[in-house]
Amino acid sequence: MALESLLVILLVGAVAGWLAGQIVKGYGYGLLGNIVVGIVGAFLAGLLFPQLGLTIGTGIAGAIIHATIGAVILLFLIRLIKRA
């Protein structure tokens, strides 16, 4: 993997994790946590969206939107598990 690709993945993960933290109030994990939440959210959305037949944009903006939606789903799942 090229260094540029790794930097883009980290940037998209950080932005998506931060946005998801803003949408789902009460969840702030810091920079490293936001990156992890964003990357895992992008992976989750990458698994779910094709099964549902959804496509959301292209390029960096599409990747951020895609990862943010996945990260919001992930944070809601974490919230449900913590309440149980």
N, C-alpha and C. Protein backbone atom coordinates (compact mmCIF):
# COMPACT_ATOMS: atom_id res chain seq x y z
N MET A 1 0.85 -1.17 0.00
CA MET A 1 0.00 0.00 0.00
C MET A 1 0.90 1.24 0.00
N ALA A 2 0.59 2.16 -0.86
CA ALA A 2 1.36 3.38 -0.97
C ALA A 2 1.09 4.29 0.22
N LEU A 3 2.04 5.14 0.52
CA LEU A 3 1.91 6.07 1.64
C LEU A 3 0.73 7.01 1.44
N GLU A 4 0.50 7.43 0.20
CA GLU A 4 -0.62 8.33 -0.08
C GLU A 4 -1.95 7.66 0.23
N SER A 5 -2.07 6.40 -0.11
CA SER A 5 -3.31 5.66 0.16
C SER A 5 -3.55 5.55 1.65
N LEU A 6 -2.51 5.27 2.39
CA LEU A 6 -2.63 5.16 3.85
C LEU A 6 -3.05 6.49 4.46
N LEU A 7 -2.48 7.58 3.97
CA LEU A 7 -2.85 8.91 4.48
C LEU A 7 -4.30 9.24 4.16
N VAL A 8 -4.77 8.87 2.98
CA VAL A 8 -6.17 9.12 2.61
C VAL A 8 -7.10 8.30 3.49
N ILE A 9 -6.76 7.05 3.75
CA ILE A 9 -7.58 6.20 4.61
C ILE A 9 -7.65 6.79 6.01
N LEU A 10 -6.52 7.24 6.54
CA LEU A 10 -6.51 7.84 7.88
C LEU A 10 -7.29 9.14 7.92
N LEU A 11 -7.17 9.96 6.88
CA LEU A 11 -7.90 11.23 6.83
C LEU A 11 -9.40 11.00 6.74
N VAL A 12 -9.82 10.10 5.86
CA VAL A 12 -11.24 9.79 5.72
C VAL A 12 -11.78 9.21 7.02
N GLY A 13 -11.01 8.30 7.64
CA GLY A 13 -11.43 7.72 8.92
C GLY A 13 -11.57 8.75 10.01
N ALA A 14 -10.61 9.69 10.08
CA ALA A 14 -10.67 10.73 11.11
C ALA A 14 -11.87 11.64 10.92
N VAL A 15 -12.10 12.08 9.69
CA VAL A 15 -13.23 12.97 9.41
C VAL A 15 -14.56 12.26 9.65
N ALA A 16 -14.66 11.02 9.17
CA ALA A 16 -15.91 10.27 9.33
C ALA A 16 -16.17 9.97 10.80
N GLY A 17 -15.15 9.60 11.55
CA GLY A 17 -15.32 9.34 12.98
C GLY A 17 -15.73 10.58 13.73
N TRP A 18 -15.12 11.73 13.38
CA TRP A 18 -15.48 12.98 14.05
C TRP A 18 -16.92 13.38 13.72
N LEU A 19 -17.30 13.27 12.45
CA LEU A 19 -18.68 13.59 12.06
C LEU A 19 -19.68 12.68 12.76
N ALA A 20 -19.37 11.40 12.82
CA ALA A 20 -20.27 10.45 13.49
C ALA A 20 -20.38 10.79 14.97
N GLY A 21 -19.27 11.19 15.58
CA GLY A 21 -19.30 11.60 16.99
C GLY A 21 -20.16 12.84 17.20
N GLN A 22 -20.20 13.73 16.22
CA GLN A 22 -21.04 14.92 16.32
C GLN A 22 -22.51 14.57 16.13
N ILE A 23 -22.79 13.61 15.26
CA ILE A 23 -24.17 13.21 14.99
C ILE A 23 -24.73 12.43 16.17
N VAL A 24 -23.94 11.48 16.68
CA VAL A 24 -24.36 10.67 17.83
C VAL A 24 -23.74 11.31 19.06
N LYS A 25 -24.48 12.15 19.71
CA LYS A 25 -23.97 12.92 20.84
C LYS A 25 -23.51 12.01 21.97
N GLY A 26 -22.48 12.46 22.67
CA GLY A 26 -22.00 11.72 23.83
C GLY A 26 -20.89 10.75 23.52
N TYR A 27 -20.46 10.68 22.26
CA TYR A 27 -19.39 9.75 21.91
C TYR A 27 -18.24 10.51 21.30
N GLY A 28 -17.21 10.73 22.11
CA GLY A 28 -15.97 11.33 21.64
C GLY A 28 -14.83 10.42 22.05
N TYR A 29 -14.10 9.90 21.08
CA TYR A 29 -13.04 8.95 21.38
C TYR A 29 -11.66 9.52 21.13
N GLY A 30 -11.55 10.81 20.86
CA GLY A 30 -10.25 11.39 20.55
C GLY A 30 -9.87 11.09 19.11
N LEU A 31 -8.71 11.58 18.70
CA LEU A 31 -8.29 11.46 17.30
C LEU A 31 -8.11 10.01 16.89
N LEU A 32 -7.37 9.23 17.67
CA LEU A 32 -7.13 7.84 17.32
C LEU A 32 -8.42 7.03 17.33
N GLY A 33 -9.28 7.25 18.32
CA GLY A 33 -10.56 6.56 18.39
C GLY A 33 -11.45 6.92 17.23
N ASN A 34 -11.46 8.20 16.83
CA ASN A 34 -12.27 8.63 15.69
C ASN A 34 -11.79 7.97 14.40
N ILE A 35 -10.48 7.84 14.24
CA ILE A 35 -9.95 7.18 13.06
C ILE A 35 -10.40 5.72 13.02
N VAL A 36 -10.30 5.04 14.16
CA VAL A 36 -10.71 3.64 14.22
C VAL A 36 -12.21 3.51 13.95
N VAL A 37 -13.02 4.36 14.59
CA VAL A 37 -14.48 4.31 14.37
C VAL A 37 -14.80 4.59 12.91
N GLY A 38 -14.13 5.55 12.30
CA GLY A 38 -14.37 5.87 10.90
C GLY A 38 -13.99 4.74 9.96
N ILE A 39 -12.84 4.10 10.21
CA ILE A 39 -12.39 3.01 9.35
C ILE A 39 -13.30 1.79 9.51
N VAL A 40 -13.62 1.44 10.75
CA VAL A 40 -14.53 0.31 10.98
C VAL A 40 -15.92 0.63 10.42
N GLY A 41 -16.36 1.87 10.56
CA GLY A 41 -17.64 2.27 9.99
C GLY A 41 -17.64 2.16 8.47
N ALA A 42 -16.54 2.54 7.83
CA ALA A 42 -16.45 2.41 6.38
C ALA A 42 -16.49 0.94 5.97
N PHE A 43 -15.83 0.08 6.73
CA PHE A 43 -15.87 -1.35 6.46
C PHE A 43 -17.29 -1.89 6.62
N LEU A 44 -17.96 -1.48 7.70
CA LEU A 44 -19.34 -1.92 7.96
C LEU A 44 -20.27 -1.47 6.84
N ALA A 45 -20.15 -0.21 6.44
CA ALA A 45 -20.98 0.30 5.35
C ALA A 45 -20.63 -0.40 4.03
N GLY A 46 -19.36 -0.73 3.84
CA GLY A 46 -18.94 -1.43 2.64
C GLY A 46 -19.55 -2.83 2.55
N LEU A 47 -19.84 -3.42 3.70
CA LEU A 47 -20.50 -4.72 3.71
C LEU A 47 -22.01 -4.60 3.53
N LEU A 48 -22.61 -3.59 4.15
CA LEU A 48 -24.06 -3.45 4.15
C LEU A 48 -24.63 -2.83 2.88
N PHE A 49 -24.02 -1.75 2.40
CA PHE A 49 -24.60 -0.99 1.29
C PHE A 49 -24.77 -1.80 0.01
N PRO A 50 -23.77 -2.59 -0.41
CA PRO A 50 -23.99 -3.38 -1.63
C PRO A 50 -25.12 -4.40 -1.48
N GLN A 51 -25.30 -4.94 -0.28
CA GLN A 51 -26.39 -5.89 -0.05
C GLN A 51 -27.75 -5.22 -0.18
N LEU A 52 -27.80 -3.93 0.18
CA LEU A 52 -29.04 -3.16 0.08
C LEU A 52 -29.21 -2.48 -1.27
N GLY A 53 -28.17 -2.54 -2.11
CA GLY A 53 -28.23 -1.91 -3.43
C GLY A 53 -28.04 -0.41 -3.38
N LEU A 54 -27.37 0.12 -2.36
CA LEU A 54 -27.16 1.56 -2.21
C LEU A 54 -25.78 1.96 -2.71
N THR A 55 -25.71 3.09 -3.39
CA THR A 55 -24.43 3.69 -3.74
C THR A 55 -24.51 5.17 -3.40
N ILE A 56 -23.44 5.68 -2.82
CA ILE A 56 -23.44 7.08 -2.39
C ILE A 56 -22.19 7.75 -2.92
N GLY A 57 -22.32 8.49 -3.98
CA GLY A 57 -21.26 9.33 -4.50
C GLY A 57 -19.97 8.60 -4.85
N THR A 58 -19.00 9.39 -5.32
CA THR A 58 -17.69 8.87 -5.67
C THR A 58 -16.63 9.81 -5.13
N GLY A 59 -15.42 9.38 -5.16
CA GLY A 59 -14.31 10.21 -4.72
C GLY A 59 -14.23 10.32 -3.21
N ILE A 60 -13.47 11.30 -2.77
CA ILE A 60 -13.22 11.50 -1.34
C ILE A 60 -14.51 11.87 -0.61
N ALA A 61 -15.31 12.75 -1.19
CA ALA A 61 -16.56 13.15 -0.54
C ALA A 61 -17.50 11.96 -0.38
N GLY A 62 -17.60 11.13 -1.39
CA GLY A 62 -18.43 9.94 -1.30
C GLY A 62 -17.90 8.97 -0.25
N ALA A 63 -16.57 8.85 -0.17
CA ALA A 63 -15.96 7.96 0.83
C ALA A 63 -16.24 8.47 2.24
N ILE A 64 -16.18 9.78 2.43
CA ILE A 64 -16.44 10.35 3.76
C ILE A 64 -17.90 10.14 4.14
N ILE A 65 -18.82 10.37 3.22
CA ILE A 65 -20.24 10.16 3.50
C ILE A 65 -20.50 8.69 3.81
N HIS A 66 -19.94 7.82 3.00
CA HIS A 66 -20.09 6.37 3.17
C HIS A 66 -19.58 5.95 4.54
N ALA A 67 -18.37 6.38 4.89
CA ALA A 67 -17.76 6.01 6.17
C ALA A 67 -18.51 6.62 7.35
N THR A 68 -19.02 7.83 7.18
CA THR A 68 -19.75 8.48 8.26
C THR A 68 -21.04 7.73 8.58
N ILE A 69 -21.76 7.33 7.55
CA ILE A 69 -23.00 6.57 7.78
C ILE A 69 -22.68 5.25 8.48
N GLY A 70 -21.63 4.58 8.03
CA GLY A 70 -21.23 3.34 8.69
C GLY A 70 -20.79 3.56 10.12
N ALA A 71 -20.08 4.66 10.39
CA ALA A 71 -19.63 4.96 11.74
C ALA A 71 -20.81 5.31 12.65
N VAL A 72 -21.81 6.00 12.13
CA VAL A 72 -23.01 6.30 12.92
C VAL A 72 -23.72 4.99 13.29
N ILE A 73 -23.83 4.07 12.33
CA ILE A 73 -24.43 2.77 12.62
C ILE A 73 -23.63 2.05 13.69
N LEU A 74 -22.30 2.10 13.58
CA LEU A 74 -21.43 1.46 14.57
C LEU A 74 -21.62 2.07 15.95
N LEU A 75 -21.70 3.39 16.05
CA LEU A 75 -21.87 4.03 17.35
C LEU A 75 -23.23 3.71 17.96
N PHE A 76 -24.27 3.62 17.13
CA PHE A 76 -25.57 3.20 17.65
C PHE A 76 -25.53 1.77 18.17
N LEU A 77 -24.82 0.89 17.47
CA LEU A 77 -24.67 -0.49 17.95
C LEU A 77 -23.91 -0.54 19.27
N ILE A 78 -22.86 0.29 19.38
CA ILE A 78 -22.11 0.35 20.64
C ILE A 78 -23.00 0.85 21.76
N ARG A 79 -23.81 1.86 21.48
CA ARG A 79 -24.73 2.39 22.48
C ARG A 79 -25.73 1.32 22.93
N LEU A 80 -26.27 0.54 21.99
CA LEU A 80 -27.22 -0.53 22.33
C LEU A 80 -26.55 -1.61 23.19
N ILE A 81 -25.33 -1.96 22.87
CA ILE A 81 -24.63 -2.99 23.64
C ILE A 81 -24.31 -2.51 25.04
N LYS A 82 -23.92 -1.25 25.19
CA LYS A 82 -23.61 -0.70 26.52
C LYS A 82 -24.84 -0.62 27.40
N ARG A 83 -26.01 -0.38 26.82
CA ARG A 83 -27.24 -0.30 27.59
C ARG A 83 -27.74 -1.67 28.04
N ALA A 84 -27.39 -2.70 27.31
CA ALA A 84 -27.89 -4.05 27.62
C ALA A 84 -27.19 -4.66 28.81
